[in-house]
Amino acid sequence: DGVAHFRHPDWDFEFSEFGAAADKPVEREIKEI
């Protein structure tokens, strides 16, 4: 449950669905900003 993130400081990963790990370079750049 991503809403519970505040209770888990050890969650050092991003929440994603299938395909999120295959972000295009332009999408990754905007995410970093």
PDB file of all heavy atoms in Angstrom:
ATOM      1  N   ASP A   1       0.852  -1.186   0.000  1.00  0.00           N
ATOM      2  CA  ASP A   1       0.000   0.000   0.000  1.00  0.00           C
ATOM      3  C   ASP A   1       0.888   1.237   0.000  1.00  0.00           C
ATOM      4  O   ASP A   1       1.472   1.606   1.024  1.00  0.00           O
ATOM      5  CB  ASP A   1      -0.900  -0.017   1.238  1.00  0.00           C
ATOM      6  CG  ASP A   1      -1.839   1.175   1.297  1.00  0.00           C
ATOM      7  OD1 ASP A   1      -1.793   2.011   0.375  1.00  0.00           O
ATOM      8  OD2 ASP A   1      -2.615   1.275   2.262  1.00  0.00           O
ATOM      9  N   GLY A   2       1.002   1.905  -1.152  1.00  0.00           N
ATOM     10  CA  GLY A   2       1.878   3.063  -1.251  1.00  0.00           C
ATOM     11  C   GLY A   2       1.506   4.196  -0.322  1.00  0.00           C
ATOM     12  O   GLY A   2       2.360   4.998   0.070  1.00  0.00           O
ATOM     13  N   VAL A   3       0.227   4.293   0.078  1.00  0.00           N
ATOM     14  CA  VAL A   3      -0.209   5.353   0.989  1.00  0.00           C
ATOM     15  C   VAL A   3       0.456   5.208   2.353  1.00  0.00           C
ATOM     16  O   VAL A   3       0.598   6.176   3.100  1.00  0.00           O
ATOM     17  CB  VAL A   3      -1.744   5.332   1.122  1.00  0.00           C
ATOM     18  CG1 VAL A   3      -2.227   6.389   2.098  1.00  0.00           C
ATOM     19  CG2 VAL A   3      -2.394   5.540  -0.248  1.00  0.00           C
ATOM     20  N   ALA A   4       0.899   3.988   2.687  1.00  0.00           N
ATOM     21  CA  ALA A   4       1.526   3.731   3.990  1.00  0.00           C
ATOM     22  C   ALA A   4       3.024   4.007   3.977  1.00  0.00           C
ATOM     23  O   ALA A   4       3.726   3.653   4.930  1.00  0.00           O
ATOM     24  CB  ALA A   4       1.270   2.286   4.403  1.00  0.00           C
ATOM     25  N   HIS A   5       3.512   4.652   2.947  1.00  0.00           N
ATOM     26  CA  HIS A   5       4.954   4.875   2.798  1.00  0.00           C
ATOM     27  C   HIS A   5       5.539   5.592   4.019  1.00  0.00           C
ATOM     28  O   HIS A   5       6.680   5.319   4.439  1.00  0.00           O
ATOM     29  CB  HIS A   5       5.212   5.695   1.527  1.00  0.00           C
ATOM     30  CG  HIS A   5       6.625   5.651   1.063  1.00  0.00           C
ATOM     31  ND1 HIS A   5       7.639   6.326   1.702  1.00  0.00           N
ATOM     32  CD2 HIS A   5       7.206   5.004   0.020  1.00  0.00           C
ATOM     33  CE1 HIS A   5       8.775   6.110   1.070  1.00  0.00           C
ATOM     34  NE2 HIS A   5       8.541   5.304   0.047  1.00  0.00           N
ATOM     35  N   PHE A   6       4.773   6.509   4.623  1.00  0.00           N
ATOM     36  CA  PHE A   6       5.283   7.293   5.753  1.00  0.00           C
ATOM     37  C   PHE A   6       5.609   6.424   6.967  1.00  0.00           C
ATOM     38  O   PHE A   6       6.385   6.825   7.834  1.00  0.00           O
ATOM     39  CB  PHE A   6       4.266   8.369   6.153  1.00  0.00           C
ATOM     40  CG  PHE A   6       3.021   7.832   6.820  1.00  0.00           C
ATOM     41  CD1 PHE A   6       2.906   7.822   8.203  1.00  0.00           C
ATOM     42  CD2 PHE A   6       1.969   7.342   6.060  1.00  0.00           C
ATOM     43  CE1 PHE A   6       1.762   7.325   8.810  1.00  0.00           C
ATOM     44  CE2 PHE A   6       0.824   6.841   6.660  1.00  0.00           C
ATOM     45  CZ  PHE A   6       0.720   6.841   8.042  1.00  0.00           C
ATOM     46  N   ARG A   7       5.057   5.221   7.027  1.00  0.00           N
ATOM     47  CA  ARG A   7       5.335   4.324   8.154  1.00  0.00           C
ATOM     48  C   ARG A   7       6.555   3.450   7.903  1.00  0.00           C
ATOM     49  O   ARG A   7       6.959   2.687   8.788  1.00  0.00           O
ATOM     50  CB  ARG A   7       4.127   3.416   8.419  1.00  0.00           C
ATOM     51  CG  ARG A   7       2.955   4.113   9.062  1.00  0.00           C
ATOM     52  CD  ARG A   7       2.030   3.099   9.731  1.00  0.00           C
ATOM     53  NE  ARG A   7       1.292   2.317   8.761  1.00  0.00           N
ATOM     54  CZ  ARG A   7       0.064   2.597   8.356  1.00  0.00           C
ATOM     55  NH1 ARG A   7      -0.554   3.668   8.818  1.00  0.00           N
ATOM     56  NH2 ARG A   7      -0.558   1.827   7.477  1.00  0.00           N
ATOM     57  N   HIS A   8       7.138   3.560   6.712  1.00  0.00           N
ATOM     58  CA  HIS A   8       8.207   2.641   6.335  1.00  0.00           C
ATOM     59  C   HIS A   8       9.410   3.395   5.750  1.00  0.00           C
ATOM     60  O   HIS A   8       9.590   3.423   4.525  1.00  0.00           O
ATOM     61  CB  HIS A   8       7.688   1.612   5.335  1.00  0.00           C
ATOM     62  CG  HIS A   8       6.548   0.801   5.851  1.00  0.00           C
ATOM     63  ND1 HIS A   8       6.733  -0.326   6.630  1.00  0.00           N
ATOM     64  CD2 HIS A   8       5.206   0.964   5.737  1.00  0.00           C
ATOM     65  CE1 HIS A   8       5.550  -0.831   6.947  1.00  0.00           C
ATOM     66  NE2 HIS A   8       4.611  -0.064   6.424  1.00  0.00           N
ATOM     67  N   PRO A   9      10.229   4.002   6.581  1.00  0.00           N
ATOM     68  CA  PRO A   9      11.406   4.714   6.068  1.00  0.00           C
ATOM     69  C   PRO A   9      12.383   3.798   5.337  1.00  0.00           C
ATOM     70  O   PRO A   9      13.242   4.274   4.598  1.00  0.00           O
ATOM     71  CB  PRO A   9      12.040   5.295   7.346  1.00  0.00           C
ATOM     72  CG  PRO A   9      11.510   4.456   8.473  1.00  0.00           C
ATOM     73  CD  PRO A   9      10.129   4.068   8.048  1.00  0.00           C
ATOM     74  N   ASP A  10      12.263   2.485   5.541  1.00  0.00           N
ATOM     75  CA  ASP A  10      13.152   1.544   4.853  1.00  0.00           C
ATOM     76  C   ASP A  10      12.695   1.248   3.428  1.00  0.00           C
ATOM     77  O   ASP A  10      13.421   0.596   2.667  1.00  0.00           O
ATOM     78  CB  ASP A  10      13.235   0.227   5.642  1.00  0.00           C
ATOM     79  CG  ASP A  10      11.862  -0.411   5.845  1.00  0.00           C
ATOM     80  OD1 ASP A  10      10.900   0.326   6.148  1.00  0.00           O
ATOM     81  OD2 ASP A  10      11.750  -1.639   5.718  1.00  0.00           O
ATOM     82  N   TRP A  11      11.533   1.728   3.023  1.00  0.00           N
ATOM     83  CA  TRP A  11      11.079   1.537   1.646  1.00  0.00           C
ATOM     84  C   TRP A  11      11.847   2.502   0.740  1.00  0.00           C
ATOM     85  O   TRP A  11      11.421   3.640   0.536  1.00  0.00           O
ATOM     86  CB  TRP A  11       9.574   1.794   1.524  1.00  0.00           C
ATOM     87  CG  TRP A  11       8.710   0.709   2.109  1.00  0.00           C
ATOM     88  CD1 TRP A  11       9.107  -0.407   2.756  1.00  0.00           C
ATOM     89  CD2 TRP A  11       7.276   0.671   2.106  1.00  0.00           C
ATOM     90  NE1 TRP A  11       8.022  -1.146   3.152  1.00  0.00           N
ATOM     91  CE2 TRP A  11       6.887  -0.516   2.763  1.00  0.00           C
ATOM     92  CE3 TRP A  11       6.284   1.511   1.615  1.00  0.00           C
ATOM     93  CZ2 TRP A  11       5.562  -0.877   2.947  1.00  0.00           C
ATOM     94  CZ3 TRP A  11       4.968   1.166   1.789  1.00  0.00           C
ATOM     95  CH2 TRP A  11       4.601  -0.018   2.442  1.00  0.00           C
ATOM     96  N   ASP A  12      12.955   2.053   0.208  1.00  0.00           N
ATOM     97  CA  ASP A  12      13.818   2.916  -0.602  1.00  0.00           C
ATOM     98  C   ASP A  12      13.659   2.613  -2.090  1.00  0.00           C
ATOM     99  O   ASP A  12      14.593   2.755  -2.873  1.00  0.00           O
ATOM    100  CB  ASP A  12      15.285   2.749  -0.188  1.00  0.00           C
ATOM    101  CG  ASP A  12      15.764   1.312  -0.310  1.00  0.00           C
ATOM    102  OD1 ASP A  12      14.936   0.424  -0.592  1.00  0.00           O
ATOM    103  OD2 ASP A  12      16.976   1.074  -0.126  1.00  0.00           O
ATOM    104  N   PHE A  13      12.458   2.195  -2.493  1.00  0.00           N
ATOM    105  CA  PHE A  13      12.208   1.835  -3.877  1.00  0.00           C
ATOM    106  C   PHE A  13      11.004   2.621  -4.393  1.00  0.00           C
ATOM    107  O   PHE A  13      10.227   3.174  -3.618  1.00  0.00           O
ATOM    108  CB  PHE A  13      11.923   0.336  -4.005  1.00  0.00           C
ATOM    109  CG  PHE A  13      10.939  -0.174  -2.981  1.00  0.00           C
ATOM    110  CD1 PHE A  13       9.580  -0.029  -3.159  1.00  0.00           C
ATOM    111  CD2 PHE A  13      11.402  -0.778  -1.807  1.00  0.00           C
ATOM    112  CE1 PHE A  13       8.685  -0.483  -2.205  1.00  0.00           C
ATOM    113  CE2 PHE A  13      10.509  -1.232  -0.849  1.00  0.00           C
ATOM    114  CZ  PHE A  13       9.146  -1.083  -1.044  1.00  0.00           C
ATOM    115  N   GLU A  14      10.882   2.695  -5.718  1.00  0.00           N
ATOM    116  CA  GLU A  14       9.752   3.366  -6.336  1.00  0.00           C
ATOM    117  C   GLU A  14       8.628   2.365  -6.584  1.00  0.00           C
ATOM    118  O   GLU A  14       8.874   1.214  -6.917  1.00  0.00           O
ATOM    119  CB  GLU A  14      10.158   4.006  -7.666  1.00  0.00           C
ATOM    120  CG  GLU A  14      11.118   5.164  -7.511  1.00  0.00           C
ATOM    121  CD  GLU A  14      11.369   5.852  -8.831  1.00  0.00           C
ATOM    122  OE1 GLU A  14      10.622   5.588  -9.798  1.00  0.00           O
ATOM    123  OE2 GLU A  14      12.309   6.657  -8.896  1.00  0.00           O
ATOM    124  N   PHE A  15       7.395   2.837  -6.435  1.00  0.00           N
ATOM    125  CA  PHE A  15       6.242   2.005  -6.748  1.00  0.00           C
ATOM    126  C   PHE A  15       5.977   2.098  -8.243  1.00  0.00           C
ATOM    127  O   PHE A  15       6.009   3.179  -8.827  1.00  0.00           O
ATOM    128  CB  PHE A  15       5.013   2.493  -5.971  1.00  0.00           C
ATOM    129  CG  PHE A  15       5.011   2.063  -4.536  1.00  0.00           C
ATOM    130  CD1 PHE A  15       5.882   2.632  -3.625  1.00  0.00           C
ATOM    131  CD2 PHE A  15       4.154   1.075  -4.107  1.00  0.00           C
ATOM    132  CE1 PHE A  15       5.898   2.232  -2.305  1.00  0.00           C
ATOM    133  CE2 PHE A  15       4.156   0.661  -2.784  1.00  0.00           C
ATOM    134  CZ  PHE A  15       5.036   1.241  -1.885  1.00  0.00           C
ATOM    135  N   SER A  16       5.730   0.961  -8.873  1.00  0.00           N
ATOM    136  CA  SER A  16       5.533   0.978 -10.313  1.00  0.00           C
ATOM    137  C   SER A  16       4.716  -0.219 -10.758  1.00  0.00           C
ATOM    138  O   SER A  16       4.647  -1.239 -10.080  1.00  0.00           O
ATOM    139  CB  SER A  16       6.877   0.966 -11.044  1.00  0.00           C
ATOM    140  OG  SER A  16       7.585  -0.225 -10.754  1.00  0.00           O
ATOM    141  N   GLU A  17       4.106  -0.041 -11.939  1.00  0.00           N
ATOM    142  CA  GLU A  17       3.432  -1.137 -12.604  1.00  0.00           C
ATOM    143  C   GLU A  17       4.342  -1.656 -13.708  1.00  0.00           C
ATOM    144  O   GLU A  17       5.421  -1.123 -13.954  1.00  0.00           O
ATOM    145  CB  GLU A  17       2.100  -0.660 -13.203  1.00  0.00           C
ATOM    146  CG  GLU A  17       1.128  -0.141 -12.153  1.00  0.00           C
ATOM    147  CD  GLU A  17       0.667  -1.204 -11.174  1.00  0.00           C
ATOM    148  OE1 GLU A  17       0.672  -2.395 -11.539  1.00  0.00           O
ATOM    149  OE2 GLU A  17       0.298  -0.850 -10.048  1.00  0.00           O
ATOM    150  N   PHE A  18       3.910  -2.688 -14.397  1.00  0.00           N
ATOM    151  CA  PHE A  18       4.716  -3.247 -15.469  1.00  0.00           C
ATOM    152  C   PHE A  18       5.021  -2.175 -16.504  1.00  0.00           C
ATOM    153  O   PHE A  18       4.156  -1.444 -16.938  1.00  0.00           O
ATOM    154  CB  PHE A  18       3.996  -4.403 -16.153  1.00  0.00           C
ATOM    155  CG  PHE A  18       4.693  -4.908 -17.387  1.00  0.00           C
ATOM    156  CD1 PHE A  18       6.025  -5.274 -17.332  1.00  0.00           C
ATOM    157  CD2 PHE A  18       4.029  -4.987 -18.583  1.00  0.00           C
ATOM    158  CE1 PHE A  18       6.677  -5.749 -18.454  1.00  0.00           C
ATOM    159  CE2 PHE A  18       4.663  -5.461 -19.716  1.00  0.00           C
ATOM    160  CZ  PHE A  18       5.993  -5.839 -19.650  1.00  0.00           C
ATOM    161  N   GLY A  19       6.272  -2.091 -16.918  1.00  0.00           N
ATOM    162  CA  GLY A  19       6.687  -1.121 -17.918  1.00  0.00           C
ATOM    163  C   GLY A  19       7.337   0.101 -17.325  1.00  0.00           C
ATOM    164  O   GLY A  19       8.052   0.820 -18.009  1.00  0.00           O
ATOM    165  N   ALA A  20       7.102   0.370 -16.009  1.00  0.00           N
ATOM    166  CA  ALA A  20       7.685   1.563 -15.418  1.00  0.00           C
ATOM    167  C   ALA A  20       9.201   1.520 -15.436  1.00  0.00           C
ATOM    168  O   ALA A  20       9.860   2.536 -15.573  1.00  0.00           O
ATOM    169  CB  ALA A  20       7.187   1.735 -13.982  1.00  0.00           C
ATOM    170  N   ALA A  21       9.776   0.304 -15.293  1.00  0.00           N
ATOM    171  CA  ALA A  21      11.234   0.195 -15.311  1.00  0.00           C
ATOM    172  C   ALA A  21      11.813   0.451 -16.697  1.00  0.00           C
ATOM    173  O   ALA A  21      13.005   0.613 -16.851  1.00  0.00           O
ATOM    174  CB  ALA A  21      11.657  -1.188 -14.824  1.00  0.00           C
ATOM    175  N   ALA A  22      10.924   0.487 -17.707  1.00  0.00           N
ATOM    176  CA  ALA A  22      11.386   0.709 -19.075  1.00  0.00           C
ATOM    177  C   ALA A  22      11.125   2.149 -19.515  1.00  0.00           C
ATOM    178  O   ALA A  22      10.849   2.418 -20.677  1.00  0.00           O
ATOM    179  CB  ALA A  22      10.689  -0.264 -20.018  1.00  0.00           C
ATOM    180  N   ASP A  23      11.175   3.093 -18.570  1.00  0.00           N
ATOM    181  CA  ASP A  23      10.962   4.494 -18.902  1.00  0.00           C
ATOM    182  C   ASP A  23      11.868   4.939 -20.038  1.00  0.00           C
ATOM    183  O   ASP A  23      13.045   4.578 -20.097  1.00  0.00           O
ATOM    184  CB  ASP A  23      11.263   5.380 -17.681  1.00  0.00           C
ATOM    185  CG  ASP A  23      10.160   5.322 -16.645  1.00  0.00           C
ATOM    186  OD1 ASP A  23       9.045   4.924 -16.995  1.00  0.00           O
ATOM    187  OD2 ASP A  23      10.428   5.684 -15.491  1.00  0.00           O
ATOM    188  N   LYS A  24      11.311   5.766 -20.899  1.00  0.00           N
ATOM    189  CA  LYS A  24      12.120   6.377 -21.938  1.00  0.00           C
ATOM    190  C   LYS A  24      13.023   7.431 -21.302  1.00  0.00           C
ATOM    191  O   LYS A  24      12.706   7.970 -20.234  1.00  0.00           O
ATOM    192  CB  LYS A  24      11.219   6.993 -22.995  1.00  0.00           C
ATOM    193  CG  LYS A  24      10.382   5.959 -23.745  1.00  0.00           C
ATOM    194  CD  LYS A  24       9.444   6.624 -24.719  1.00  0.00           C
ATOM    195  CE  LYS A  24       8.723   5.574 -25.562  1.00  0.00           C
ATOM    196  NZ  LYS A  24       7.914   4.659 -24.736  1.00  0.00           N
ATOM    197  N   PRO A  25      14.145   7.757 -21.946  1.00  0.00           N
ATOM    198  CA  PRO A  25      15.060   8.763 -21.373  1.00  0.00           C
ATOM    199  C   PRO A  25      14.374  10.081 -21.037  1.00  0.00           C
ATOM    200  O   PRO A  25      14.674  10.687 -20.003  1.00  0.00           O
ATOM    201  CB  PRO A  25      16.107   8.930 -22.480  1.00  0.00           C
ATOM    202  CG  PRO A  25      16.133   7.604 -23.174  1.00  0.00           C
ATOM    203  CD  PRO A  25      14.701   7.133 -23.160  1.00  0.00           C
ATOM    204  N   VAL A  26      13.446  10.534 -21.885  1.00  0.00           N
ATOM    205  CA  VAL A  26      12.770  11.802 -21.608  1.00  0.00           C
ATOM    206  C   VAL A  26      11.909  11.704 -20.359  1.00  0.00           C
ATOM    207  O   VAL A  26      11.801  12.661 -19.580  1.00  0.00           O
ATOM    208  CB  VAL A  26      11.919  12.261 -22.808  1.00  0.00           C
ATOM    209  CG1 VAL A  26      12.808  12.614 -23.992  1.00  0.00           C
ATOM    210  CG2 VAL A  26      10.890  11.208 -23.208  1.00  0.00           C
ATOM    211  N   GLU A  27      11.302  10.539 -20.140  1.00  0.00           N
ATOM    212  CA  GLU A  27      10.486  10.351 -18.942  1.00  0.00           C
ATOM    213  C   GLU A  27      11.357  10.318 -17.695  1.00  0.00           C
ATOM    214  O   GLU A  27      11.005  10.892 -16.653  1.00  0.00           O
ATOM    215  CB  GLU A  27       9.677   9.052 -19.063  1.00  0.00           C
ATOM    216  CG  GLU A  27       8.650   9.087 -20.180  1.00  0.00           C
ATOM    217  CD  GLU A  27       8.016   7.733 -20.439  1.00  0.00           C
ATOM    218  OE1 GLU A  27       8.693   6.709 -20.221  1.00  0.00           O
ATOM    219  OE2 GLU A  27       6.855   7.701 -20.873  1.00  0.00           O
ATOM    220  N   ARG A  28      12.504   9.654 -17.787  1.00  0.00           N
ATOM    221  CA  ARG A  28      13.419   9.605 -16.637  1.00  0.00           C
ATOM    222  C   ARG A  28      13.928  10.995 -16.292  1.00  0.00           C
ATOM    223  O   ARG A  28      14.067  11.340 -15.105  1.00  0.00           O
ATOM    224  CB  ARG A  28      14.586   8.666 -16.938  1.00  0.00           C
ATOM    225  CG  ARG A  28      14.209   7.197 -16.963  1.00  0.00           C
ATOM    226  CD  ARG A  28      15.441   6.312 -16.861  1.00  0.00           C
ATOM    227  NE  ARG A  28      16.307   6.450 -18.017  1.00  0.00           N
ATOM    228  CZ  ARG A  28      16.207   5.711 -19.113  1.00  0.00           C
ATOM    229  NH1 ARG A  28      15.257   4.786 -19.206  1.00  0.00           N
ATOM    230  NH2 ARG A  28      17.040   5.871 -20.118  1.00  0.00           N
ATOM    231  N   GLU A  29      14.210  11.795 -17.303  1.00  0.00           N
ATOM    232  CA  GLU A  29      14.711  13.150 -17.050  1.00  0.00           C
ATOM    233  C   GLU A  29      13.680  13.988 -16.296  1.00  0.00           C
ATOM    234  O   GLU A  29      14.012  14.703 -15.357  1.00  0.00           O
ATOM    235  CB  GLU A  29      15.073  13.824 -18.374  1.00  0.00           C
ATOM    236  CG  GLU A  29      15.713  15.185 -18.194  1.00  0.00           C
ATOM    237  CD  GLU A  29      16.165  15.799 -19.504  1.00  0.00           C
ATOM    238  OE1 GLU A  29      16.459  15.040 -20.451  1.00  0.00           O
ATOM    239  OE2 GLU A  29      16.211  17.046 -19.581  1.00  0.00           O
ATOM    240  N   ILE A  30      12.427  13.884 -16.710  1.00  0.00           N
ATOM    241  CA  ILE A  30      11.371  14.630 -16.024  1.00  0.00           C
ATOM    242  C   ILE A  30      11.172  14.110 -14.602  1.00  0.00           C
ATOM    243  O   ILE A  30      10.939  14.888 -13.661  1.00  0.00           O
ATOM    244  CB  ILE A  30      10.056  14.557 -16.827  1.00  0.00           C
ATOM    245  CG1 ILE A  30      10.217  15.262 -18.179  1.00  0.00           C
ATOM    246  CG2 ILE A  30       8.909  15.186 -16.046  1.00  0.00           C
ATOM    247  CD1 ILE A  30      10.632  16.713 -18.085  1.00  0.00           C
ATOM    248  N   LYS A  31      11.275  12.793 -14.414  1.00  0.00           N
ATOM    249  CA  LYS A  31      11.163  12.231 -13.062  1.00  0.00           C
ATOM    250  C   LYS A  31      12.248  12.780 -12.144  1.00  0.00           C
ATOM    251  O   LYS A  31      12.007  13.069 -10.969  1.00  0.00           O
ATOM    252  CB  LYS A  31      11.263  10.703 -13.114  1.00  0.00           C
ATOM    253  CG  LYS A  31       9.964  10.001 -13.445  1.00  0.00           C
ATOM    254  CD  LYS A  31      10.110   8.498 -13.287  1.00  0.00           C
ATOM    255  CE  LYS A  31       8.795   7.786 -13.529  1.00  0.00           C
ATOM    256  NZ  LYS A  31       8.910   6.320 -13.353  1.00  0.00           N
ATOM    257  N   GLU A  32      13.457  12.901 -12.657  1.00  0.00           N
ATOM    258  CA  GLU A  32      14.554  13.411 -11.843  1.00  0.00           C
ATOM    259  C   GLU A  32      14.313  14.868 -11.465  1.00  0.00           C
ATOM    260  O   GLU A  32      14.604  15.286 -10.345  1.00  0.00           O
ATOM    261  CB  GLU A  32      15.882  13.258 -12.596  1.00  0.00           C
ATOM    262  CG  GLU A  32      16.369  11.829 -12.704  1.00  0.00           C
ATOM    263  CD  GLU A  32      16.500  11.159 -11.343  1.00  0.00           C
ATOM    264  OE1 GLU A  32      17.112  11.769 -10.434  1.00  0.00           O
ATOM    265  OE2 GLU A  32      15.982  10.039 -11.170  1.00  0.00           O
ATOM    266  N   ILE A  33      13.791  15.669 -12.381  1.00  0.00           N
ATOM    267  CA  ILE A  33      13.463  17.053 -12.072  1.00  0.00           C
ATOM    268  C   ILE A  33      12.355  17.105 -11.031  1.00  0.00           C
ATOM    269  O   ILE A  33      12.405  17.890 -10.069  1.00  0.00           O
ATOM    270  CB  ILE A  33      13.052  17.810 -13.346  1.00  0.00           C
ATOM    271  CG1 ILE A  33      14.246  17.937 -14.293  1.00  0.00           C
ATOM    272  CG2 ILE A  33      12.486  19.187 -13.010  1.00  0.00           C
ATOM    273  CD1 ILE A  33      13.902  18.518 -15.648  1.00  0.00           C
TER     274      ILE A  33
END
